[in-house]
Amino acid sequence: MRFFALLLALLPAIPAAMAVEQPPYIVLRQYPAFEIRRYEPQVVAEVTVQGNAEDAGNAGFRILAGYIFGKNKGARTAPMTAPVTQTPQKIAMTAPVAMASADPGAHTVRFVMPRGWRLDTLPEPEDRRIELREEPARAWAVIRYSGLWSEKRYREHLGKLREAMAAASVAGRGEPVWARYDPPWTPWFMRRNEVWIETDTTPH
């Protein structure tokens, strides 16, 4: 009974959460455990921060939220979008030899800018750590799940996605992306989370 009482109390907040702008995509193919989506080019704001996946995600979110809420030249504001994505960052090492290694303590956190905001008209961030750029069109293999924002659950579903892609002979490339759609006050059982892996596959 307590569960249903809580659910009823939360129902008025659901339409507001659903109203948050999300980048459009086309589902190219549906598999039992995942789907392949194509996203068109997007303008993004991103920042790379140190920390484990959970801490880096929270820190990056705060930095980028400050930017869209007015910490920029002109003090312009923008509506929040979803999802917030993050990717493990490869750090180039210069000594003793030049090499690239995955640093588990560095992650790039990214906001997609609302439709109608162009790269050449975006306000300049006050925080120099923030980079503005255009993402090219890409195809992604995506697995969706609900529940807590934990690195453990992210890695669990990343493993499931990789296994399902291998079984379907779908090749992936690059670093995985962790996508979170809901604000932190959303109850865990109502949260939408995803893991993305870029793919060259273009099903017909």
N, C-alpha and C. Protein backbone atom coordinates (compact mmCIF):
# COMPACT_ATOMS: atom_id res chain seq x y z
N MET A 1 0.83 -1.20 0.00
CA MET A 1 0.00 0.00 0.00
C MET A 1 0.86 1.26 0.00
N ARG A 2 1.96 1.24 0.77
CA ARG A 2 2.83 2.41 0.81
C ARG A 2 3.42 2.69 -0.58
N PHE A 3 3.77 1.63 -1.30
CA PHE A 3 4.33 1.80 -2.64
C PHE A 3 3.34 2.51 -3.55
N PHE A 4 2.09 2.07 -3.56
CA PHE A 4 1.10 2.67 -4.43
C PHE A 4 0.77 4.09 -4.01
N ALA A 5 0.80 4.36 -2.69
CA ALA A 5 0.57 5.73 -2.23
C ALA A 5 1.67 6.65 -2.73
N LEU A 6 2.93 6.16 -2.69
CA LEU A 6 4.05 6.95 -3.20
C LEU A 6 3.92 7.18 -4.70
N LEU A 7 3.54 6.15 -5.43
CA LEU A 7 3.38 6.27 -6.88
C LEU A 7 2.32 7.30 -7.23
N LEU A 8 1.20 7.28 -6.52
CA LEU A 8 0.14 8.25 -6.78
C LEU A 8 0.60 9.67 -6.49
N ALA A 9 1.40 9.82 -5.44
CA ALA A 9 1.90 11.15 -5.10
C ALA A 9 2.84 11.69 -6.16
N LEU A 10 3.51 10.78 -6.89
CA LEU A 10 4.50 11.21 -7.88
C LEU A 10 3.91 11.44 -9.26
N LEU A 11 2.70 10.97 -9.50
CA LEU A 11 2.12 11.07 -10.83
C LEU A 11 2.05 12.50 -11.38
N PRO A 12 1.75 13.53 -10.56
CA PRO A 12 1.70 14.88 -11.13
C PRO A 12 3.03 15.35 -11.69
N ALA A 13 4.13 14.80 -11.23
CA ALA A 13 5.46 15.23 -11.69
C ALA A 13 5.87 14.58 -13.00
N ILE A 14 5.17 13.52 -13.41
CA ILE A 14 5.59 12.78 -14.60
C ILE A 14 5.48 13.61 -15.87
N PRO A 15 4.37 14.34 -16.14
CA PRO A 15 4.31 15.11 -17.38
C PRO A 15 5.42 16.13 -17.51
N ALA A 16 5.82 16.78 -16.39
CA ALA A 16 6.89 17.77 -16.43
C ALA A 16 8.20 17.12 -16.84
N ALA A 17 8.45 15.92 -16.31
CA ALA A 17 9.69 15.23 -16.66
C ALA A 17 9.70 14.84 -18.13
N MET A 18 8.52 14.43 -18.66
CA MET A 18 8.43 13.99 -20.05
C MET A 18 8.58 15.16 -21.01
N ALA A 19 8.37 16.41 -20.51
CA ALA A 19 8.42 17.56 -21.38
C ALA A 19 9.84 18.01 -21.70
N VAL A 20 10.85 17.48 -21.02
CA VAL A 20 12.23 17.86 -21.27
C VAL A 20 12.62 17.46 -22.70
N GLU A 21 13.23 18.39 -23.42
CA GLU A 21 13.60 18.13 -24.81
C GLU A 21 14.66 17.04 -24.92
N GLN A 22 14.48 16.15 -25.88
CA GLN A 22 15.44 15.09 -26.16
C GLN A 22 15.79 15.12 -27.64
N PRO A 23 17.04 14.81 -27.99
CA PRO A 23 17.40 14.81 -29.41
C PRO A 23 16.64 13.72 -30.16
N PRO A 24 16.11 14.03 -31.33
CA PRO A 24 15.36 13.02 -32.09
C PRO A 24 16.30 11.98 -32.67
N TYR A 25 15.76 10.79 -32.88
CA TYR A 25 16.54 9.72 -33.49
C TYR A 25 15.60 8.80 -34.25
N ILE A 26 16.20 7.99 -35.11
CA ILE A 26 15.47 6.98 -35.86
C ILE A 26 15.97 5.61 -35.43
N VAL A 27 15.06 4.69 -35.13
CA VAL A 27 15.45 3.32 -34.81
C VAL A 27 15.68 2.58 -36.12
N LEU A 28 16.93 2.19 -36.35
CA LEU A 28 17.28 1.50 -37.59
C LEU A 28 16.94 0.01 -37.52
N ARG A 29 17.12 -0.57 -36.34
CA ARG A 29 16.80 -1.99 -36.19
C ARG A 29 16.60 -2.32 -34.72
N GLN A 30 15.67 -3.22 -34.46
CA GLN A 30 15.36 -3.64 -33.10
C GLN A 30 15.82 -5.09 -32.91
N TYR A 31 16.60 -5.32 -31.85
CA TYR A 31 17.00 -6.66 -31.47
C TYR A 31 16.33 -7.00 -30.13
N PRO A 32 16.34 -8.26 -29.73
CA PRO A 32 15.68 -8.62 -28.46
C PRO A 32 16.20 -7.84 -27.25
N ALA A 33 17.51 -7.59 -27.18
CA ALA A 33 18.08 -6.96 -25.99
C ALA A 33 18.49 -5.51 -26.20
N PHE A 34 18.53 -5.04 -27.44
CA PHE A 34 18.99 -3.68 -27.71
C PHE A 34 18.43 -3.21 -29.04
N GLU A 35 18.68 -1.93 -29.36
CA GLU A 35 18.28 -1.39 -30.65
C GLU A 35 19.40 -0.54 -31.21
N ILE A 36 19.35 -0.31 -32.51
CA ILE A 36 20.32 0.56 -33.16
C ILE A 36 19.59 1.84 -33.57
N ARG A 37 20.13 2.98 -33.13
CA ARG A 37 19.53 4.28 -33.42
C ARG A 37 20.49 5.13 -34.25
N ARG A 38 19.91 5.99 -35.04
CA ARG A 38 20.71 7.00 -35.74
C ARG A 38 20.31 8.38 -35.24
N TYR A 39 21.32 9.12 -34.77
CA TYR A 39 21.14 10.51 -34.35
C TYR A 39 21.76 11.43 -35.38
N GLU A 40 21.08 12.52 -35.69
CA GLU A 40 21.61 13.52 -36.60
C GLU A 40 22.64 14.39 -35.86
N PRO A 41 23.37 15.25 -36.57
CA PRO A 41 24.37 16.11 -35.90
C PRO A 41 23.74 16.91 -34.77
N GLN A 42 24.52 17.10 -33.72
CA GLN A 42 24.04 17.81 -32.53
C GLN A 42 25.11 18.79 -32.06
N VAL A 43 24.67 19.91 -31.51
CA VAL A 43 25.58 20.85 -30.87
C VAL A 43 25.61 20.52 -29.38
N VAL A 44 26.81 20.38 -28.82
CA VAL A 44 26.94 19.94 -27.44
C VAL A 44 27.87 20.86 -26.66
N ALA A 45 27.67 20.88 -25.35
CA ALA A 45 28.61 21.48 -24.41
C ALA A 45 29.14 20.33 -23.56
N GLU A 46 30.45 20.28 -23.37
CA GLU A 46 31.03 19.16 -22.63
C GLU A 46 32.19 19.62 -21.76
N VAL A 47 32.46 18.83 -20.74
CA VAL A 47 33.56 19.11 -19.83
C VAL A 47 34.16 17.78 -19.38
N THR A 48 35.47 17.72 -19.26
CA THR A 48 36.15 16.53 -18.78
C THR A 48 36.60 16.77 -17.36
N VAL A 49 36.21 15.84 -16.47
CA VAL A 49 36.52 15.98 -15.05
C VAL A 49 37.12 14.69 -14.51
N GLN A 50 37.84 14.81 -13.41
CA GLN A 50 38.45 13.66 -12.76
C GLN A 50 37.48 13.05 -11.75
N GLY A 51 37.64 11.76 -11.50
CA GLY A 51 36.82 11.07 -10.52
C GLY A 51 36.27 9.79 -11.10
N ASN A 52 35.70 8.95 -10.24
CA ASN A 52 35.07 7.74 -10.75
C ASN A 52 33.80 8.13 -11.51
N ALA A 53 33.15 7.15 -12.12
CA ALA A 53 32.03 7.46 -13.01
C ALA A 53 30.92 8.25 -12.31
N GLU A 54 30.58 7.87 -11.08
CA GLU A 54 29.50 8.55 -10.38
C GLU A 54 29.89 9.96 -9.97
N ASP A 55 31.08 10.11 -9.36
CA ASP A 55 31.52 11.43 -8.90
C ASP A 55 31.76 12.37 -10.08
N ALA A 56 32.39 11.86 -11.14
CA ALA A 56 32.65 12.69 -12.32
C ALA A 56 31.34 13.13 -12.96
N GLY A 57 30.36 12.23 -13.02
CA GLY A 57 29.08 12.59 -13.59
C GLY A 57 28.41 13.72 -12.83
N ASN A 58 28.45 13.65 -11.50
CA ASN A 58 27.83 14.69 -10.68
C ASN A 58 28.57 16.02 -10.82
N ALA A 59 29.92 15.95 -10.81
CA ALA A 59 30.70 17.18 -10.93
C ALA A 59 30.52 17.82 -12.30
N GLY A 60 30.55 17.01 -13.35
CA GLY A 60 30.36 17.54 -14.69
C GLY A 60 28.98 18.14 -14.88
N PHE A 61 27.97 17.49 -14.30
CA PHE A 61 26.61 18.02 -14.40
C PHE A 61 26.53 19.42 -13.80
N ARG A 62 27.12 19.61 -12.63
CA ARG A 62 27.05 20.92 -11.97
C ARG A 62 27.72 22.00 -12.82
N ILE A 63 28.87 21.67 -13.42
CA ILE A 63 29.58 22.64 -14.24
C ILE A 63 28.75 23.04 -15.46
N LEU A 64 28.19 22.05 -16.15
CA LEU A 64 27.41 22.33 -17.36
C LEU A 64 26.08 22.99 -17.04
N ALA A 65 25.47 22.60 -15.91
CA ALA A 65 24.22 23.24 -15.51
C ALA A 65 24.46 24.72 -15.25
N GLY A 66 25.60 25.05 -14.65
CA GLY A 66 25.93 26.46 -14.43
C GLY A 66 25.99 27.23 -15.74
N TYR A 67 26.54 26.60 -16.76
CA TYR A 67 26.64 27.25 -18.07
C TYR A 67 25.26 27.55 -18.66
N ILE A 68 24.37 26.55 -18.70
CA ILE A 68 23.06 26.80 -19.32
C ILE A 68 22.14 27.63 -18.44
N PHE A 69 22.46 27.75 -17.15
CA PHE A 69 21.63 28.57 -16.27
C PHE A 69 22.16 29.99 -16.13
N GLY A 70 23.15 30.37 -16.99
CA GLY A 70 23.53 31.78 -17.04
C GLY A 70 24.98 32.10 -16.79
N LYS A 71 25.83 31.13 -16.47
CA LYS A 71 27.25 31.42 -16.26
C LYS A 71 27.97 31.43 -17.60
N ASN A 72 27.64 32.45 -18.40
CA ASN A 72 28.23 32.62 -19.72
C ASN A 72 28.19 34.09 -20.07
N LYS A 73 28.95 34.49 -21.10
CA LYS A 73 28.97 35.88 -21.52
C LYS A 73 27.62 36.23 -22.14
N GLY A 74 26.96 37.18 -21.51
CA GLY A 74 25.61 37.53 -21.91
C GLY A 74 24.58 37.02 -20.95
N ALA A 75 24.99 36.14 -20.03
CA ALA A 75 24.09 35.58 -19.01
C ALA A 75 22.83 34.99 -19.62
N ARG A 76 22.97 34.34 -20.77
CA ARG A 76 21.83 33.71 -21.42
C ARG A 76 21.52 32.38 -20.75
N THR A 77 20.26 32.00 -20.75
CA THR A 77 19.85 30.73 -20.18
C THR A 77 19.25 29.85 -21.26
N ALA A 78 19.30 28.55 -21.01
CA ALA A 78 18.74 27.58 -21.95
C ALA A 78 17.98 26.53 -21.15
N PRO A 79 16.93 25.95 -21.74
CA PRO A 79 16.21 24.89 -21.03
C PRO A 79 17.06 23.64 -20.92
N MET A 80 16.82 22.87 -19.89
CA MET A 80 17.51 21.60 -19.68
C MET A 80 17.07 20.61 -20.74
N THR A 81 18.00 19.78 -21.19
CA THR A 81 17.69 18.71 -22.13
C THR A 81 18.08 17.37 -21.52
N ALA A 82 17.70 16.31 -22.19
CA ALA A 82 18.06 14.96 -21.75
C ALA A 82 18.40 14.15 -23.00
N PRO A 83 19.29 13.17 -22.88
CA PRO A 83 19.94 12.76 -21.64
C PRO A 83 21.23 13.54 -21.37
N VAL A 84 21.75 13.39 -20.16
CA VAL A 84 23.12 13.79 -19.85
C VAL A 84 23.98 12.56 -20.10
N THR A 85 25.02 12.71 -20.90
CA THR A 85 25.85 11.55 -21.23
C THR A 85 27.26 11.73 -20.71
N GLN A 86 27.93 10.62 -20.50
CA GLN A 86 29.33 10.69 -20.11
C GLN A 86 30.09 9.50 -20.69
N THR A 87 31.37 9.75 -20.96
CA THR A 87 32.23 8.79 -21.64
C THR A 87 33.57 8.74 -20.94
N PRO A 88 34.13 7.54 -20.70
CA PRO A 88 35.51 7.48 -20.18
C PRO A 88 36.44 8.17 -21.15
N GLN A 89 37.39 8.94 -20.61
CA GLN A 89 38.27 9.72 -21.45
C GLN A 89 39.65 9.09 -21.54
N LYS A 90 40.15 8.97 -22.76
CA LYS A 90 41.52 8.50 -22.94
C LYS A 90 42.47 9.68 -22.81
N ILE A 91 43.47 9.52 -21.95
CA ILE A 91 44.43 10.58 -21.69
C ILE A 91 45.75 10.25 -22.37
N ALA A 92 46.27 11.18 -23.15
CA ALA A 92 47.56 10.96 -23.81
C ALA A 92 48.69 11.16 -22.79
N MET A 93 49.57 10.18 -22.67
CA MET A 93 50.70 10.25 -21.75
C MET A 93 51.94 10.65 -22.54
N THR A 94 52.70 11.60 -22.00
CA THR A 94 53.86 12.11 -22.71
C THR A 94 55.18 11.58 -22.17
N ALA A 95 55.20 10.96 -21.01
CA ALA A 95 56.45 10.45 -20.44
C ALA A 95 56.13 9.16 -19.70
N PRO A 96 57.04 8.16 -19.72
CA PRO A 96 58.31 8.18 -20.44
C PRO A 96 58.17 7.94 -21.94
N VAL A 97 57.01 7.40 -22.39
CA VAL A 97 56.80 7.21 -23.82
C VAL A 97 55.42 7.74 -24.16
N ALA A 98 55.21 8.09 -25.39
CA ALA A 98 53.90 8.59 -25.82
C ALA A 98 52.99 7.41 -26.06
N MET A 99 51.84 7.38 -25.38
CA MET A 99 50.87 6.31 -25.54
C MET A 99 49.52 6.82 -25.08
N ALA A 100 48.48 6.10 -25.41
CA ALA A 100 47.14 6.45 -24.94
C ALA A 100 46.67 5.36 -24.02
N SER A 101 46.13 5.73 -22.87
CA SER A 101 45.62 4.74 -21.93
C SER A 101 44.31 5.23 -21.36
N ALA A 102 43.40 4.30 -21.08
CA ALA A 102 42.12 4.66 -20.50
C ALA A 102 42.31 4.98 -19.03
N ASP A 103 42.05 6.21 -18.65
CA ASP A 103 42.18 6.63 -17.26
C ASP A 103 40.80 6.51 -16.62
N PRO A 104 40.62 5.54 -15.71
CA PRO A 104 39.29 5.35 -15.14
C PRO A 104 38.85 6.53 -14.29
N GLY A 105 39.77 7.46 -14.01
CA GLY A 105 39.42 8.62 -13.20
C GLY A 105 39.09 9.85 -14.02
N ALA A 106 38.95 9.74 -15.34
CA ALA A 106 38.60 10.89 -16.17
C ALA A 106 37.40 10.55 -17.04
N HIS A 107 36.41 11.45 -17.06
CA HIS A 107 35.19 11.24 -17.83
C HIS A 107 34.75 12.55 -18.47
N THR A 108 34.27 12.46 -19.69
CA THR A 108 33.71 13.62 -20.37
C THR A 108 32.20 13.58 -20.23
N VAL A 109 31.64 14.64 -19.64
CA VAL A 109 30.20 14.76 -19.41
C VAL A 109 29.66 15.76 -20.44
N ARG A 110 28.48 15.47 -20.97
CA ARG A 110 28.01 16.21 -22.15
C ARG A 110 26.52 16.55 -22.04
N PHE A 111 26.18 17.80 -22.39
CA PHE A 111 24.79 18.23 -22.58
C PHE A 111 24.57 18.50 -24.06
N VAL A 112 23.46 18.05 -24.61
CA VAL A 112 23.06 18.45 -25.95
C VAL A 112 22.33 19.79 -25.85
N MET A 113 22.71 20.73 -26.70
CA MET A 113 22.05 22.03 -26.69
C MET A 113 20.66 21.93 -27.33
N PRO A 114 19.72 22.75 -26.88
CA PRO A 114 18.36 22.70 -27.44
C PRO A 114 18.36 22.97 -28.94
N ARG A 115 17.37 22.43 -29.63
CA ARG A 115 17.22 22.69 -31.06
C ARG A 115 17.07 24.20 -31.28
N GLY A 116 17.71 24.70 -32.33
CA GLY A 116 17.69 26.12 -32.60
C GLY A 116 18.93 26.84 -32.09
N TRP A 117 19.71 26.20 -31.22
CA TRP A 117 20.97 26.78 -30.77
C TRP A 117 22.08 26.27 -31.68
N ARG A 118 22.77 27.19 -32.35
CA ARG A 118 23.84 26.82 -33.27
C ARG A 118 25.21 27.09 -32.64
N LEU A 119 26.20 26.39 -33.16
CA LEU A 119 27.54 26.53 -32.61
C LEU A 119 28.03 27.97 -32.71
N ASP A 120 27.70 28.66 -33.79
CA ASP A 120 28.21 30.01 -33.98
C ASP A 120 27.42 31.07 -33.21
N THR A 121 26.33 30.67 -32.56
CA THR A 121 25.54 31.63 -31.78
C THR A 121 25.51 31.29 -30.30
N LEU A 122 26.15 30.20 -29.88
CA LEU A 122 26.16 29.85 -28.47
C LEU A 122 26.96 30.88 -27.66
N PRO A 123 26.49 31.21 -26.45
CA PRO A 123 27.27 32.14 -25.62
C PRO A 123 28.57 31.49 -25.14
N GLU A 124 29.58 32.29 -24.98
CA GLU A 124 30.88 31.78 -24.53
C GLU A 124 30.82 31.43 -23.05
N PRO A 125 31.26 30.25 -22.67
CA PRO A 125 31.22 29.87 -21.24
C PRO A 125 32.19 30.71 -20.40
N GLU A 126 31.80 31.01 -19.18
CA GLU A 126 32.72 31.65 -18.25
C GLU A 126 33.77 30.65 -17.77
N ASP A 127 33.37 29.40 -17.66
CA ASP A 127 34.28 28.33 -17.22
C ASP A 127 35.05 27.82 -18.44
N ARG A 128 36.36 28.02 -18.45
CA ARG A 128 37.16 27.66 -19.61
C ARG A 128 37.30 26.15 -19.80
N ARG A 129 36.86 25.37 -18.83
CA ARG A 129 36.91 23.91 -18.98
C ARG A 129 35.84 23.41 -19.94
N ILE A 130 34.83 24.21 -20.19
CA ILE A 130 33.71 23.79 -21.04
C ILE A 130 34.08 23.98 -22.51
N GLU A 131 33.84 22.96 -23.31
CA GLU A 131 34.08 23.02 -24.75
C GLU A 131 32.75 22.92 -25.48
N LEU A 132 32.59 23.74 -26.51
CA LEU A 132 31.40 23.72 -27.36
C LEU A 132 31.80 23.17 -28.72
N ARG A 133 31.03 22.21 -29.23
CA ARG A 133 31.38 21.63 -30.53
C ARG A 133 30.15 20.96 -31.14
N GLU A 134 30.30 20.56 -32.40
CA GLU A 134 29.21 19.84 -33.07
C GLU A 134 29.56 18.37 -33.20
N GLU A 135 28.66 17.53 -32.76
CA GLU A 135 28.80 16.09 -32.90
C GLU A 135 28.28 15.68 -34.28
N PRO A 136 28.99 14.83 -35.00
CA PRO A 136 28.48 14.37 -36.30
C PRO A 136 27.34 13.38 -36.12
N ALA A 137 26.64 13.11 -37.21
CA ALA A 137 25.60 12.07 -37.19
C ALA A 137 26.26 10.73 -36.89
N ARG A 138 25.60 9.91 -36.06
CA ARG A 138 26.17 8.63 -35.68
C ARG A 138 25.08 7.60 -35.47
N ALA A 139 25.48 6.33 -35.59
CA ALA A 139 24.59 5.21 -35.24
C ALA A 139 25.10 4.60 -33.94
N TRP A 140 24.17 4.30 -33.06
CA TRP A 140 24.51 3.76 -31.74
C TRP A 140 23.70 2.50 -31.46
N ALA A 141 24.37 1.52 -30.89
CA ALA A 141 23.68 0.37 -30.29
C ALA A 141 23.33 0.76 -28.86
N VAL A 142 22.08 0.58 -28.46
CA VAL A 142 21.59 1.12 -27.19
C VAL A 142 20.85 0.05 -26.40
N ILE A 143 21.19 -0.07 -25.12
CA ILE A 143 20.43 -0.91 -24.20
C ILE A 143 19.84 0.01 -23.12
N ARG A 144 18.60 -0.22 -22.78
CA ARG A 144 17.88 0.64 -21.83
C ARG A 144 17.58 -0.13 -20.55
N TYR A 145 17.66 0.58 -19.42
CA TYR A 145 17.33 -0.05 -18.14
C TYR A 145 16.89 1.01 -17.15
N SER A 146 16.23 0.59 -16.09
CA SER A 146 15.80 1.50 -15.04
C SER A 146 16.60 1.22 -13.78
N GLY A 147 16.41 2.07 -12.78
CA GLY A 147 17.07 1.81 -11.50
C GLY A 147 18.09 2.86 -11.12
N LEU A 148 18.88 2.52 -10.13
CA LEU A 148 19.82 3.46 -9.53
C LEU A 148 20.92 3.87 -10.49
N TRP A 149 21.46 5.09 -10.25
CA TRP A 149 22.63 5.58 -10.98
C TRP A 149 23.87 5.07 -10.29
N SER A 150 24.27 3.88 -10.58
CA SER A 150 25.48 3.34 -9.96
C SER A 150 26.40 2.81 -11.04
N GLU A 151 27.70 2.93 -10.79
CA GLU A 151 28.67 2.42 -11.75
C GLU A 151 28.53 0.91 -11.89
N LYS A 152 28.16 0.24 -10.81
CA LYS A 152 27.98 -1.21 -10.85
C LYS A 152 26.90 -1.59 -11.86
N ARG A 153 25.74 -0.91 -11.82
CA ARG A 153 24.66 -1.22 -12.75
C ARG A 153 25.02 -0.81 -14.18
N TYR A 154 25.73 0.30 -14.30
CA TYR A 154 26.19 0.71 -15.63
C TYR A 154 27.07 -0.37 -16.24
N ARG A 155 28.04 -0.86 -15.50
CA ARG A 155 28.96 -1.87 -16.03
C ARG A 155 28.23 -3.19 -16.29
N GLU A 156 27.25 -3.50 -15.47
CA GLU A 156 26.45 -4.71 -15.69
C GLU A 156 25.73 -4.65 -17.03
N HIS A 157 25.13 -3.51 -17.34
CA HIS A 157 24.38 -3.39 -18.59
C HIS A 157 25.31 -3.16 -19.79
N LEU A 158 26.47 -2.58 -19.55
CA LEU A 158 27.47 -2.49 -20.61
C LEU A 158 27.88 -3.90 -21.04
N GLY A 159 28.09 -4.78 -20.07
CA GLY A 159 28.43 -6.17 -20.39
C GLY A 159 27.32 -6.86 -21.16
N LYS A 160 26.07 -6.62 -20.76
CA LYS A 160 24.93 -7.22 -21.46
C LYS A 160 24.85 -6.72 -22.90
N LEU A 161 25.10 -5.42 -23.09
CA LEU A 161 25.04 -4.87 -24.45
C LEU A 161 26.13 -5.46 -25.32
N ARG A 162 27.33 -5.57 -24.80
CA ARG A 162 28.43 -6.13 -25.59
C ARG A 162 28.15 -7.59 -25.96
N GLU A 163 27.62 -8.35 -25.02
CA GLU A 163 27.30 -9.75 -25.30
C GLU A 163 26.22 -9.85 -26.38
N ALA A 164 25.18 -9.00 -26.27
CA ALA A 164 24.08 -9.05 -27.23
C ALA A 164 24.55 -8.61 -28.62
N MET A 165 25.43 -7.62 -28.67
CA MET A 165 25.96 -7.18 -29.97
C MET A 165 26.80 -8.28 -30.61
N ALA A 166 27.61 -8.94 -29.80
CA ALA A 166 28.44 -10.02 -30.35
C ALA A 166 27.56 -11.14 -30.89
N ALA A 167 26.50 -11.48 -30.15
CA ALA A 167 25.60 -12.54 -30.59
C ALA A 167 24.88 -12.17 -31.89
N ALA A 168 24.64 -10.87 -32.09
CA ALA A 168 23.94 -10.41 -33.29
C ALA A 168 24.92 -10.02 -34.41
N SER A 169 26.22 -10.23 -34.18
CA SER A 169 27.27 -9.87 -35.15
C SER A 169 27.23 -8.38 -35.50
N VAL A 170 27.00 -7.56 -34.49
CA VAL A 170 27.02 -6.11 -34.65
C VAL A 170 28.33 -5.59 -34.05
N ALA A 171 29.17 -4.98 -34.86
CA ALA A 171 30.47 -4.49 -34.40
C ALA A 171 30.32 -3.12 -33.77
N GLY A 172 31.07 -2.90 -32.70
CA GLY A 172 31.09 -1.60 -32.04
C GLY A 172 32.46 -0.97 -32.15
N ARG A 173 32.52 0.32 -31.82
CA ARG A 173 33.80 1.01 -31.83
C ARG A 173 33.78 2.15 -30.82
N GLY A 174 34.96 2.56 -30.40
CA GLY A 174 35.06 3.69 -29.48
C GLY A 174 34.68 3.33 -28.06
N GLU A 175 34.65 4.36 -27.22
CA GLU A 175 34.32 4.19 -25.81
C GLU A 175 32.80 4.18 -25.61
N PRO A 176 32.32 3.42 -24.62
CA PRO A 176 30.88 3.40 -24.36
C PRO A 176 30.40 4.72 -23.76
N VAL A 177 29.12 4.97 -23.89
CA VAL A 177 28.49 6.18 -23.36
C VAL A 177 27.42 5.78 -22.35
N TRP A 178 27.42 6.44 -21.21
CA TRP A 178 26.40 6.23 -20.18
C TRP A 178 25.43 7.41 -20.27
N ALA A 179 24.15 7.13 -20.52
CA ALA A 179 23.15 8.18 -20.70
C ALA A 179 22.11 8.11 -19.58
N ARG A 180 21.86 9.28 -18.96
CA ARG A 180 20.88 9.36 -17.88
C ARG A 180 19.87 10.45 -18.22
N TYR A 181 18.59 10.13 -18.06
CA TYR A 181 17.53 11.00 -18.56
C TYR A 181 16.80 11.81 -17.49
N ASP A 182 16.87 11.43 -16.26
CA ASP A 182 15.99 12.00 -15.25
C ASP A 182 16.74 12.81 -14.20
N PRO A 183 16.06 13.79 -13.59
CA PRO A 183 16.69 14.56 -12.51
C PRO A 183 16.90 13.69 -11.28
N PRO A 184 17.79 14.11 -10.37
CA PRO A 184 18.14 13.27 -9.23
C PRO A 184 17.00 12.99 -8.26
N TRP A 185 15.94 13.80 -8.29
CA TRP A 185 14.83 13.55 -7.38
C TRP A 185 13.85 12.51 -7.93
N THR A 186 14.07 12.04 -9.15
CA THR A 186 13.21 11.00 -9.71
C THR A 186 13.43 9.69 -8.95
N PRO A 187 12.38 9.03 -8.48
CA PRO A 187 12.56 7.76 -7.77
C PRO A 187 13.30 6.75 -8.64
N TRP A 188 14.12 5.93 -8.02
CA TRP A 188 14.99 5.02 -8.76
C TRP A 188 14.22 4.13 -9.72
N PHE A 189 13.01 3.69 -9.32
CA PHE A 189 12.28 2.74 -10.15
C PHE A 189 11.64 3.40 -11.37
N MET A 190 11.68 4.75 -11.44
CA MET A 190 11.12 5.46 -12.57
C MET A 190 12.21 6.04 -13.49
N ARG A 191 13.46 5.82 -13.16
CA ARG A 191 14.54 6.43 -13.93
C ARG A 191 14.81 5.67 -15.23
N ARG A 192 15.12 6.43 -16.26
CA ARG A 192 15.52 5.85 -17.54
C ARG A 192 17.03 6.04 -17.71
N ASN A 193 17.71 4.93 -17.87
CA ASN A 193 19.15 4.93 -18.08
C ASN A 193 19.46 4.12 -19.33
N GLU A 194 20.55 4.45 -20.00
CA GLU A 194 20.95 3.72 -21.19
C GLU A 194 22.46 3.61 -21.27
N VAL A 195 22.93 2.61 -22.01
CA VAL A 195 24.33 2.50 -22.39
C VAL A 195 24.37 2.46 -23.91
N TRP A 196 25.27 3.27 -24.49
CA TRP A 196 25.40 3.36 -25.94
C TRP A 196 26.80 2.91 -26.37
N ILE A 197 26.87 2.23 -27.49
CA ILE A 197 28.14 1.92 -28.13
C ILE A 197 28.00 2.27 -29.61
N GLU A 198 28.93 3.07 -30.13
CA GLU A 198 28.85 3.46 -31.54
C GLU A 198 29.08 2.25 -32.44
N THR A 199 28.38 2.23 -33.55
CA THR A 199 28.50 1.13 -34.49
C THR A 199 28.51 1.67 -35.91
N ASP A 200 29.21 0.97 -36.79
CA ASP A 200 29.23 1.31 -38.20
C ASP A 200 28.06 0.65 -38.93
N THR A 201 27.37 -0.23 -38.21
CA THR A 201 26.29 -0.99 -38.85
C THR A 201 25.15 -0.06 -39.25
N THR A 202 24.69 -0.19 -40.48
CA THR A 202 23.54 0.57 -40.96
C THR A 202 22.54 -0.42 -41.53
N PRO A 203 21.68 -1.02 -40.68
CA PRO A 203 20.72 -2.01 -41.16
C PRO A 203 19.71 -1.40 -42.11
N HIS A 204 19.14 -2.20 -42.95
CA HIS A 204 18.11 -1.76 -43.89
C HIS A 204 16.78 -2.47 -43.57
